[in-house]
N, C-alpha and C. Protein backbone atom coordinates (compact mmCIF):
# COMPACT_ATOMS: atom_id res chain seq x y z
N MET A 1 0.83 -1.18 0.00
CA MET A 1 0.00 0.00 0.00
C MET A 1 0.87 1.25 0.00
N ASP A 2 0.43 2.24 -0.74
CA ASP A 2 1.15 3.50 -0.80
C ASP A 2 0.45 4.51 0.10
N TYR A 3 1.24 5.14 0.94
CA TYR A 3 0.74 6.18 1.84
C TYR A 3 1.55 7.45 1.62
N TYR A 4 0.90 8.58 1.78
CA TYR A 4 1.55 9.86 1.62
C TYR A 4 1.23 10.70 2.86
N ARG A 5 2.24 11.28 3.43
CA ARG A 5 2.03 12.20 4.54
C ARG A 5 1.99 13.60 3.95
N ILE A 6 0.89 14.28 4.18
CA ILE A 6 0.72 15.66 3.75
C ILE A 6 0.34 16.45 4.99
N GLN A 7 1.30 17.21 5.50
CA GLN A 7 1.17 17.94 6.75
C GLN A 7 0.72 16.99 7.85
N ASP A 8 -0.44 17.19 8.43
CA ASP A 8 -0.86 16.33 9.53
C ASP A 8 -1.77 15.19 9.09
N LYS A 9 -1.90 14.96 7.76
CA LYS A 9 -2.76 13.90 7.25
C LYS A 9 -1.93 12.76 6.67
N VAL A 10 -2.47 11.54 6.75
CA VAL A 10 -1.89 10.39 6.05
C VAL A 10 -2.91 9.97 5.00
N ILE A 11 -2.45 9.94 3.74
CA ILE A 11 -3.34 9.68 2.60
C ILE A 11 -3.04 8.28 2.07
N SER A 12 -4.10 7.51 1.82
CA SER A 12 -3.97 6.17 1.26
C SER A 12 -4.26 6.21 -0.23
N TRP A 13 -3.26 5.84 -1.05
CA TRP A 13 -3.47 5.79 -2.49
C TRP A 13 -4.52 4.74 -2.84
N ASP A 14 -4.51 3.61 -2.13
CA ASP A 14 -5.49 2.55 -2.41
C ASP A 14 -6.92 3.05 -2.22
N LYS A 15 -7.14 3.84 -1.19
CA LYS A 15 -8.48 4.38 -0.93
C LYS A 15 -8.88 5.35 -2.05
N ILE A 16 -7.93 6.17 -2.48
CA ILE A 16 -8.22 7.10 -3.57
C ILE A 16 -8.57 6.32 -4.84
N GLU A 17 -7.74 5.34 -5.16
CA GLU A 17 -7.96 4.55 -6.38
C GLU A 17 -9.30 3.81 -6.33
N LYS A 18 -9.64 3.26 -5.18
CA LYS A 18 -10.90 2.55 -5.02
C LYS A 18 -12.09 3.49 -5.29
N ASN A 19 -12.02 4.69 -4.75
CA ASN A 19 -13.10 5.65 -4.95
C ASN A 19 -13.17 6.16 -6.39
N LEU A 20 -12.02 6.35 -7.01
CA LEU A 20 -12.01 6.77 -8.41
C LEU A 20 -12.63 5.69 -9.30
N ARG A 21 -12.27 4.44 -9.02
CA ARG A 21 -12.85 3.32 -9.79
C ARG A 21 -14.37 3.25 -9.60
N LYS A 22 -14.82 3.44 -8.38
CA LYS A 22 -16.27 3.44 -8.12
C LYS A 22 -16.95 4.54 -8.92
N ALA A 23 -16.37 5.74 -8.88
CA ALA A 23 -16.98 6.88 -9.58
C ALA A 23 -17.03 6.64 -11.08
N LEU A 24 -15.94 6.20 -11.66
CA LEU A 24 -15.93 5.96 -13.11
C LEU A 24 -16.82 4.78 -13.48
N GLY A 25 -16.87 3.78 -12.62
CA GLY A 25 -17.76 2.64 -12.85
C GLY A 25 -19.22 3.07 -12.87
N MET A 26 -19.60 3.90 -11.92
CA MET A 26 -20.98 4.39 -11.87
C MET A 26 -21.30 5.22 -13.11
N ARG A 27 -20.37 6.08 -13.51
CA ARG A 27 -20.60 6.92 -14.68
C ARG A 27 -20.74 6.08 -15.94
N SER A 28 -19.92 5.02 -16.05
CA SER A 28 -19.99 4.18 -17.25
C SER A 28 -21.27 3.34 -17.27
N ARG A 29 -21.90 3.15 -16.09
CA ARG A 29 -23.18 2.42 -16.03
C ARG A 29 -24.37 3.35 -16.20
N GLY A 30 -24.13 4.64 -16.43
CA GLY A 30 -25.22 5.55 -16.75
C GLY A 30 -25.65 6.50 -15.65
N PHE A 31 -25.01 6.44 -14.48
CA PHE A 31 -25.34 7.38 -13.42
C PHE A 31 -24.89 8.78 -13.86
N SER A 32 -25.65 9.79 -13.50
CA SER A 32 -25.25 11.16 -13.82
C SER A 32 -24.09 11.57 -12.90
N GLN A 33 -23.43 12.65 -13.26
CA GLN A 33 -22.35 13.15 -12.40
C GLN A 33 -22.90 13.50 -11.01
N GLN A 34 -24.07 14.10 -10.98
CA GLN A 34 -24.67 14.50 -9.70
C GLN A 34 -25.02 13.28 -8.85
N GLU A 35 -25.63 12.26 -9.45
CA GLU A 35 -25.97 11.04 -8.70
C GLU A 35 -24.71 10.37 -8.16
N THR A 36 -23.69 10.29 -8.99
CA THR A 36 -22.43 9.66 -8.58
C THR A 36 -21.82 10.43 -7.42
N ALA A 37 -21.77 11.74 -7.55
CA ALA A 37 -21.19 12.58 -6.51
C ALA A 37 -21.95 12.42 -5.19
N GLN A 38 -23.26 12.43 -5.25
CA GLN A 38 -24.06 12.30 -4.04
C GLN A 38 -23.84 10.94 -3.37
N ARG A 39 -23.87 9.88 -4.14
CA ARG A 39 -23.71 8.53 -3.57
C ARG A 39 -22.33 8.30 -2.98
N LEU A 40 -21.31 8.94 -3.55
CA LEU A 40 -19.94 8.73 -3.08
C LEU A 40 -19.43 9.88 -2.21
N ASN A 41 -20.33 10.81 -1.87
CA ASN A 41 -19.97 11.94 -1.02
C ASN A 41 -18.81 12.75 -1.61
N MET A 42 -18.96 13.06 -2.90
CA MET A 42 -17.99 13.87 -3.62
C MET A 42 -18.73 15.07 -4.21
N GLU A 43 -17.98 16.01 -4.74
CA GLU A 43 -18.58 17.13 -5.42
C GLU A 43 -18.74 16.79 -6.91
N ARG A 44 -19.81 17.26 -7.51
CA ARG A 44 -20.05 16.99 -8.91
C ARG A 44 -18.93 17.54 -9.78
N THR A 45 -18.40 18.69 -9.43
CA THR A 45 -17.31 19.27 -10.23
C THR A 45 -16.06 18.39 -10.19
N PHE A 46 -15.86 17.66 -9.07
CA PHE A 46 -14.73 16.74 -9.00
C PHE A 46 -14.91 15.60 -10.00
N ILE A 47 -16.14 15.08 -10.10
CA ILE A 47 -16.43 14.00 -11.05
C ILE A 47 -16.15 14.49 -12.48
N SER A 48 -16.58 15.70 -12.79
CA SER A 48 -16.36 16.28 -14.10
C SER A 48 -14.86 16.41 -14.39
N ARG A 49 -14.11 16.91 -13.45
CA ARG A 49 -12.66 17.07 -13.64
C ARG A 49 -11.96 15.72 -13.75
N LEU A 50 -12.42 14.75 -13.00
CA LEU A 50 -11.87 13.40 -13.08
C LEU A 50 -12.02 12.84 -14.49
N GLU A 51 -13.20 13.00 -15.05
CA GLU A 51 -13.44 12.53 -16.42
C GLU A 51 -12.55 13.26 -17.41
N GLY A 52 -12.38 14.55 -17.21
CA GLY A 52 -11.52 15.33 -18.09
C GLY A 52 -10.06 14.90 -18.02
N LEU A 53 -9.61 14.54 -16.82
CA LEU A 53 -8.22 14.09 -16.65
C LEU A 53 -7.93 12.83 -17.44
N GLY A 54 -8.89 11.92 -17.49
CA GLY A 54 -8.65 10.63 -18.13
C GLY A 54 -9.14 10.52 -19.55
N GLU A 55 -9.81 11.56 -20.04
CA GLU A 55 -10.42 11.47 -21.37
C GLU A 55 -9.36 11.35 -22.46
N LEU A 56 -9.51 10.34 -23.30
CA LEU A 56 -8.63 10.19 -24.45
C LEU A 56 -9.23 10.88 -25.66
N ARG A 57 -10.49 10.64 -25.89
CA ARG A 57 -11.15 11.20 -27.06
C ARG A 57 -12.65 11.15 -26.88
N LYS A 58 -13.33 11.95 -27.67
CA LYS A 58 -14.76 11.84 -27.83
C LYS A 58 -15.00 11.41 -29.26
N GLY A 59 -16.14 10.85 -29.51
CA GLY A 59 -16.47 10.55 -30.89
C GLY A 59 -16.65 9.09 -31.16
N LYS A 60 -16.84 8.81 -32.42
CA LYS A 60 -17.26 7.48 -32.79
C LYS A 60 -16.34 6.75 -33.76
N SER A 61 -15.63 7.43 -34.62
CA SER A 61 -14.85 6.71 -35.62
C SER A 61 -13.53 6.21 -35.01
N ILE A 62 -13.15 5.00 -35.42
CA ILE A 62 -11.99 4.32 -34.83
C ILE A 62 -11.01 3.92 -35.92
N ALA A 63 -9.72 4.15 -35.67
CA ALA A 63 -8.65 3.67 -36.54
C ALA A 63 -7.71 2.81 -35.71
N CYS A 64 -7.08 1.85 -36.37
CA CYS A 64 -6.08 1.02 -35.70
C CYS A 64 -4.89 0.87 -36.63
N ILE A 65 -3.71 1.14 -36.08
CA ILE A 65 -2.47 1.01 -36.83
C ILE A 65 -1.50 0.20 -35.98
N GLY A 66 -0.80 -0.75 -36.61
CA GLY A 66 0.12 -1.54 -35.82
C GLY A 66 1.04 -2.43 -36.62
N PHE A 67 2.20 -2.70 -36.05
CA PHE A 67 3.18 -3.61 -36.65
C PHE A 67 4.28 -3.89 -35.65
N PRO A 68 4.96 -5.00 -35.76
CA PRO A 68 4.76 -6.18 -36.58
C PRO A 68 3.88 -7.20 -35.85
N VAL A 69 2.72 -7.45 -36.37
CA VAL A 69 1.71 -8.28 -35.72
C VAL A 69 1.75 -9.69 -36.31
N GLY A 70 2.08 -10.67 -35.47
CA GLY A 70 2.19 -12.06 -35.91
C GLY A 70 0.85 -12.69 -36.22
N ASN A 71 -0.15 -12.39 -35.42
CA ASN A 71 -1.49 -12.93 -35.63
C ASN A 71 -2.37 -11.88 -36.33
N LYS A 72 -1.83 -11.36 -37.43
CA LYS A 72 -2.47 -10.27 -38.18
C LYS A 72 -3.90 -10.60 -38.60
N SER A 73 -4.11 -11.77 -39.18
CA SER A 73 -5.46 -12.08 -39.69
C SER A 73 -6.47 -12.15 -38.55
N GLU A 74 -6.08 -12.71 -37.42
CA GLU A 74 -6.99 -12.77 -36.27
C GLU A 74 -7.30 -11.36 -35.76
N ILE A 75 -6.28 -10.53 -35.61
CA ILE A 75 -6.47 -9.17 -35.10
C ILE A 75 -7.28 -8.33 -36.09
N THR A 76 -6.98 -8.46 -37.37
CA THR A 76 -7.74 -7.73 -38.39
C THR A 76 -9.20 -8.15 -38.37
N GLY A 77 -9.45 -9.46 -38.23
CA GLY A 77 -10.82 -9.96 -38.15
C GLY A 77 -11.59 -9.38 -36.97
N ILE A 78 -10.93 -9.30 -35.82
CA ILE A 78 -11.56 -8.71 -34.62
C ILE A 78 -11.89 -7.25 -34.87
N LEU A 79 -10.95 -6.52 -35.47
CA LEU A 79 -11.17 -5.09 -35.74
C LEU A 79 -12.30 -4.90 -36.75
N GLU A 80 -12.31 -5.71 -37.80
CA GLU A 80 -13.38 -5.60 -38.80
C GLU A 80 -14.74 -5.92 -38.19
N HIS A 81 -14.79 -6.99 -37.38
CA HIS A 81 -16.04 -7.38 -36.73
C HIS A 81 -16.55 -6.28 -35.80
N ALA A 82 -15.64 -5.56 -35.18
CA ALA A 82 -16.02 -4.48 -34.26
C ALA A 82 -16.38 -3.19 -34.99
N GLY A 83 -16.22 -3.18 -36.31
CA GLY A 83 -16.59 -1.99 -37.08
C GLY A 83 -15.54 -0.90 -37.08
N VAL A 84 -14.28 -1.26 -36.86
CA VAL A 84 -13.21 -0.26 -36.90
C VAL A 84 -13.13 0.30 -38.32
N ASP A 85 -13.07 1.61 -38.42
CA ASP A 85 -13.19 2.29 -39.71
C ASP A 85 -11.93 2.25 -40.57
N TYR A 86 -10.78 2.31 -39.95
CA TYR A 86 -9.52 2.31 -40.70
C TYR A 86 -8.56 1.34 -40.02
N ILE A 87 -8.06 0.38 -40.79
CA ILE A 87 -7.16 -0.64 -40.24
C ILE A 87 -5.89 -0.68 -41.09
N PHE A 88 -4.75 -0.49 -40.43
CA PHE A 88 -3.46 -0.61 -41.09
C PHE A 88 -2.58 -1.47 -40.19
N ILE A 89 -2.60 -2.77 -40.44
CA ILE A 89 -1.84 -3.74 -39.64
C ILE A 89 -0.87 -4.46 -40.57
N LEU A 90 0.38 -4.53 -40.17
CA LEU A 90 1.40 -5.22 -40.96
C LEU A 90 2.10 -6.27 -40.11
N ASN A 91 2.48 -7.39 -40.74
CA ASN A 91 3.40 -8.30 -40.08
C ASN A 91 4.82 -7.86 -40.46
N GLU A 92 5.83 -8.52 -39.91
CA GLU A 92 7.20 -8.09 -40.14
C GLU A 92 7.59 -8.17 -41.61
N GLN A 93 7.18 -9.21 -42.32
CA GLN A 93 7.51 -9.36 -43.73
C GLN A 93 6.89 -8.21 -44.54
N GLU A 94 5.64 -7.87 -44.26
CA GLU A 94 4.98 -6.78 -44.97
C GLU A 94 5.64 -5.44 -44.65
N ARG A 95 6.05 -5.27 -43.41
CA ARG A 95 6.72 -4.03 -43.01
C ARG A 95 8.04 -3.88 -43.77
N CYS A 96 8.82 -4.96 -43.85
CA CYS A 96 10.09 -4.93 -44.59
C CYS A 96 9.85 -4.68 -46.08
N SER A 97 8.83 -5.32 -46.66
CA SER A 97 8.51 -5.11 -48.07
C SER A 97 8.09 -3.67 -48.33
N PHE A 98 7.35 -3.10 -47.41
CA PHE A 98 6.90 -1.71 -47.51
C PHE A 98 8.12 -0.80 -47.67
N ILE A 99 9.13 -1.03 -46.86
CA ILE A 99 10.34 -0.20 -46.88
C ILE A 99 11.20 -0.52 -48.11
N ASP A 100 11.37 -1.81 -48.39
CA ASP A 100 12.29 -2.24 -49.46
C ASP A 100 11.79 -1.92 -50.86
N ASN A 101 10.48 -1.88 -51.04
CA ASN A 101 9.92 -1.74 -52.38
C ASN A 101 9.55 -0.31 -52.77
N LEU A 102 9.85 0.65 -51.90
CA LEU A 102 9.50 2.04 -52.20
C LEU A 102 10.74 2.92 -52.11
N SER A 103 10.75 3.99 -52.89
CA SER A 103 11.83 4.97 -52.80
C SER A 103 11.62 5.81 -51.54
N GLY A 104 12.61 6.56 -51.17
CA GLY A 104 12.49 7.44 -50.00
C GLY A 104 11.32 8.40 -50.12
N ARG A 105 11.14 8.97 -51.31
CA ARG A 105 10.03 9.90 -51.55
C ARG A 105 8.70 9.18 -51.40
N GLN A 106 8.61 7.96 -51.95
CA GLN A 106 7.36 7.19 -51.85
C GLN A 106 7.05 6.82 -50.40
N ILE A 107 8.09 6.44 -49.66
CA ILE A 107 7.89 6.10 -48.24
C ILE A 107 7.36 7.31 -47.49
N LEU A 108 7.98 8.47 -47.68
CA LEU A 108 7.53 9.69 -47.01
C LEU A 108 6.08 10.00 -47.37
N ASN A 109 5.75 9.91 -48.65
CA ASN A 109 4.37 10.18 -49.07
C ASN A 109 3.39 9.20 -48.44
N GLU A 110 3.75 7.92 -48.41
CA GLU A 110 2.87 6.90 -47.81
C GLU A 110 2.68 7.15 -46.31
N ILE A 111 3.76 7.47 -45.61
CA ILE A 111 3.66 7.74 -44.17
C ILE A 111 2.78 8.96 -43.93
N MET A 112 2.95 9.98 -44.75
CA MET A 112 2.10 11.18 -44.60
C MET A 112 0.64 10.85 -44.89
N ASN A 113 0.39 10.03 -45.90
CA ASN A 113 -0.97 9.63 -46.24
C ASN A 113 -1.61 8.81 -45.12
N ILE A 114 -0.86 7.85 -44.59
CA ILE A 114 -1.37 7.01 -43.50
C ILE A 114 -1.66 7.88 -42.28
N THR A 115 -0.74 8.78 -41.96
CA THR A 115 -0.95 9.68 -40.82
C THR A 115 -2.20 10.52 -41.01
N ALA A 116 -2.39 11.06 -42.20
CA ALA A 116 -3.58 11.87 -42.48
C ALA A 116 -4.86 11.04 -42.33
N GLN A 117 -4.83 9.79 -42.82
CA GLN A 117 -5.99 8.92 -42.70
C GLN A 117 -6.31 8.63 -41.24
N VAL A 118 -5.29 8.31 -40.47
CA VAL A 118 -5.48 7.96 -39.06
C VAL A 118 -6.01 9.16 -38.28
N LYS A 119 -5.47 10.34 -38.54
CA LYS A 119 -5.86 11.54 -37.79
C LYS A 119 -7.31 11.95 -38.03
N LYS A 120 -7.94 11.44 -39.08
CA LYS A 120 -9.34 11.75 -39.36
C LYS A 120 -10.28 11.10 -38.34
N HIS A 121 -9.78 10.12 -37.61
CA HIS A 121 -10.64 9.34 -36.72
C HIS A 121 -10.60 9.86 -35.29
N ASP A 122 -11.70 9.61 -34.60
CA ASP A 122 -11.85 10.12 -33.24
C ASP A 122 -11.05 9.32 -32.23
N ILE A 123 -10.97 8.01 -32.43
CA ILE A 123 -10.26 7.13 -31.51
C ILE A 123 -9.22 6.36 -32.31
N ILE A 124 -8.00 6.32 -31.80
CA ILE A 124 -6.91 5.64 -32.51
C ILE A 124 -6.27 4.62 -31.59
N ILE A 125 -6.21 3.39 -32.06
CA ILE A 125 -5.52 2.32 -31.34
C ILE A 125 -4.20 2.08 -32.06
N CYS A 126 -3.10 2.15 -31.31
CA CYS A 126 -1.77 1.94 -31.88
C CYS A 126 -1.16 0.69 -31.26
N ILE A 127 -0.60 -0.16 -32.11
CA ILE A 127 0.04 -1.41 -31.68
C ILE A 127 1.48 -1.37 -32.18
N GLY A 128 2.45 -1.50 -31.28
CA GLY A 128 3.83 -1.48 -31.73
C GLY A 128 4.82 -1.48 -30.58
N SER A 129 6.08 -1.27 -30.91
CA SER A 129 7.13 -1.20 -29.89
C SER A 129 6.98 0.11 -29.11
N ASP A 130 7.59 0.15 -27.95
CA ASP A 130 7.50 1.34 -27.11
C ASP A 130 7.94 2.60 -27.85
N GLU A 131 9.04 2.49 -28.59
CA GLU A 131 9.55 3.65 -29.33
C GLU A 131 8.58 4.08 -30.42
N ARG A 132 8.03 3.12 -31.15
CA ARG A 132 7.07 3.45 -32.22
C ARG A 132 5.81 4.08 -31.63
N LEU A 133 5.36 3.58 -30.49
CA LEU A 133 4.17 4.15 -29.85
C LEU A 133 4.42 5.60 -29.46
N ASP A 134 5.61 5.89 -28.94
CA ASP A 134 5.96 7.27 -28.60
C ASP A 134 5.97 8.16 -29.84
N LEU A 135 6.55 7.65 -30.94
CA LEU A 135 6.59 8.42 -32.18
C LEU A 135 5.19 8.68 -32.72
N LEU A 136 4.35 7.64 -32.71
CA LEU A 136 2.98 7.80 -33.20
C LEU A 136 2.22 8.82 -32.36
N GLU A 137 2.40 8.74 -31.05
CA GLU A 137 1.71 9.70 -30.17
C GLU A 137 2.15 11.12 -30.49
N GLY A 138 3.43 11.31 -30.80
CA GLY A 138 3.92 12.63 -31.15
C GLY A 138 3.37 13.14 -32.47
N MET A 139 3.07 12.22 -33.39
CA MET A 139 2.55 12.60 -34.70
C MET A 139 1.05 12.91 -34.67
N LEU A 140 0.37 12.37 -33.68
CA LEU A 140 -1.08 12.55 -33.60
C LEU A 140 -1.39 13.73 -32.70
N ASP A 141 -2.55 14.32 -32.89
CA ASP A 141 -2.89 15.49 -32.09
C ASP A 141 -3.61 15.14 -30.78
N LYS A 142 -3.94 13.87 -30.61
CA LYS A 142 -4.61 13.42 -29.40
C LYS A 142 -3.98 12.11 -28.95
N ALA A 143 -4.16 11.77 -27.69
CA ALA A 143 -3.55 10.56 -27.14
C ALA A 143 -4.22 9.30 -27.68
N PRO A 144 -3.43 8.41 -28.25
CA PRO A 144 -3.99 7.14 -28.72
C PRO A 144 -4.12 6.14 -27.58
N ILE A 145 -4.80 5.05 -27.86
CA ILE A 145 -4.85 3.91 -26.95
C ILE A 145 -3.75 2.97 -27.43
N ASN A 146 -2.77 2.73 -26.58
CA ASN A 146 -1.59 1.97 -26.99
C ASN A 146 -1.60 0.53 -26.51
N ILE A 147 -1.15 -0.36 -27.38
CA ILE A 147 -0.89 -1.75 -27.03
C ILE A 147 0.59 -1.99 -27.34
N SER A 148 1.38 -2.13 -26.30
CA SER A 148 2.82 -2.27 -26.47
C SER A 148 3.20 -3.71 -26.80
N LEU A 149 4.08 -3.84 -27.78
CA LEU A 149 4.61 -5.16 -28.14
C LEU A 149 5.99 -5.38 -27.52
N GLY A 150 6.47 -4.42 -26.75
CA GLY A 150 7.76 -4.55 -26.08
C GLY A 150 8.71 -3.44 -26.47
N PRO A 151 9.94 -3.53 -25.96
CA PRO A 151 10.92 -2.48 -26.25
C PRO A 151 11.44 -2.56 -27.68
N SER A 152 11.86 -1.41 -28.20
CA SER A 152 12.45 -1.33 -29.55
C SER A 152 13.91 -1.76 -29.47
N PRO A 153 14.47 -2.26 -30.55
CA PRO A 153 13.82 -2.55 -31.82
C PRO A 153 13.18 -3.93 -31.82
N ILE A 154 12.11 -4.05 -32.56
CA ILE A 154 11.46 -5.34 -32.75
C ILE A 154 11.69 -5.74 -34.20
N THR A 155 12.23 -6.91 -34.41
CA THR A 155 12.56 -7.35 -35.77
C THR A 155 11.85 -8.64 -36.15
N GLU A 156 10.86 -9.02 -35.35
CA GLU A 156 10.10 -10.23 -35.65
C GLU A 156 8.65 -10.01 -35.26
N ASP A 157 7.78 -10.82 -35.83
CA ASP A 157 6.36 -10.72 -35.51
C ASP A 157 6.12 -10.94 -34.02
N LYS A 158 5.16 -10.18 -33.49
CA LYS A 158 4.78 -10.32 -32.08
C LYS A 158 3.29 -10.66 -32.01
N TYR A 159 2.96 -11.47 -31.03
CA TYR A 159 1.58 -11.89 -30.80
C TYR A 159 0.84 -10.77 -30.07
N VAL A 160 -0.32 -10.41 -30.57
CA VAL A 160 -1.19 -9.44 -29.92
C VAL A 160 -2.31 -10.22 -29.24
N ASP A 161 -2.50 -9.99 -27.97
CA ASP A 161 -3.52 -10.70 -27.19
C ASP A 161 -4.92 -10.29 -27.68
N PRO A 162 -5.65 -11.20 -28.31
CA PRO A 162 -6.99 -10.87 -28.82
C PRO A 162 -7.94 -10.43 -27.70
N GLN A 163 -7.80 -11.01 -26.52
CA GLN A 163 -8.69 -10.64 -25.41
C GLN A 163 -8.45 -9.20 -24.97
N GLU A 164 -7.19 -8.78 -24.95
CA GLU A 164 -6.88 -7.39 -24.59
C GLU A 164 -7.50 -6.44 -25.60
N LEU A 165 -7.38 -6.78 -26.88
CA LEU A 165 -7.96 -5.94 -27.93
C LEU A 165 -9.48 -5.90 -27.81
N ARG A 166 -10.11 -7.05 -27.59
CA ARG A 166 -11.57 -7.09 -27.44
C ARG A 166 -12.02 -6.24 -26.24
N LYS A 167 -11.27 -6.32 -25.16
CA LYS A 167 -11.59 -5.53 -23.96
C LYS A 167 -11.53 -4.03 -24.27
N ILE A 168 -10.50 -3.61 -25.00
CA ILE A 168 -10.38 -2.20 -25.39
C ILE A 168 -11.55 -1.81 -26.28
N LEU A 169 -11.86 -2.63 -27.26
CA LEU A 169 -12.95 -2.32 -28.18
C LEU A 169 -14.29 -2.26 -27.46
N ARG A 170 -14.52 -3.18 -26.51
CA ARG A 170 -15.77 -3.14 -25.73
C ARG A 170 -15.86 -1.85 -24.94
N SER A 171 -14.77 -1.43 -24.32
CA SER A 171 -14.82 -0.21 -23.51
C SER A 171 -15.06 1.02 -24.40
N ILE A 172 -14.51 1.01 -25.60
CA ILE A 172 -14.76 2.09 -26.55
C ILE A 172 -16.22 2.10 -26.98
N LYS A 173 -16.74 0.93 -27.32
CA LYS A 173 -18.13 0.81 -27.76
C LYS A 173 -19.10 1.24 -26.66
N ASP A 174 -18.80 0.81 -25.42
CA ASP A 174 -19.65 1.17 -24.29
C ASP A 174 -19.65 2.67 -24.05
N ALA A 175 -18.53 3.32 -24.38
CA ALA A 175 -18.41 4.76 -24.16
C ALA A 175 -19.11 5.58 -25.24
N ARG A 176 -19.46 4.94 -26.34
CA ARG A 176 -20.13 5.67 -27.43
C ARG A 176 -21.49 6.04 -26.96
């Protein structure tokens, strides 16, 4: 357990986290900010600020970009079934072919085109190495939902947990 001493008070991080989870859980089940605040003895403005702190995006359209995904067909199928609007998933061989078969100018144009396509969407799921996720986040104007495949560099296909992806997609769908 984490405790913090602030002047003459001792604060429990576990207690804070438990109450935050309760508040967000109630809000996701349809309780109003006012109802949630009253039931948890909080101020409504705190609930509003809490939601603002954690908000990734508003909206409905979803894009997913990722590489190198070993179980590409399974992941693509899950994304298609969930109605994801833009899907750009590559395995390691496709990623290498993408680089090897294009000139520098073509690669730059393709990357710019892909970035423009992805930025059109309200919610973006990024799958990749830690370094690539950081780069993608820097290129986008809003925080993506990241699925890390591990530290860079990655030179082989990585397995993406279908259950983790389904969980993310369900939470996005529920938030619509």
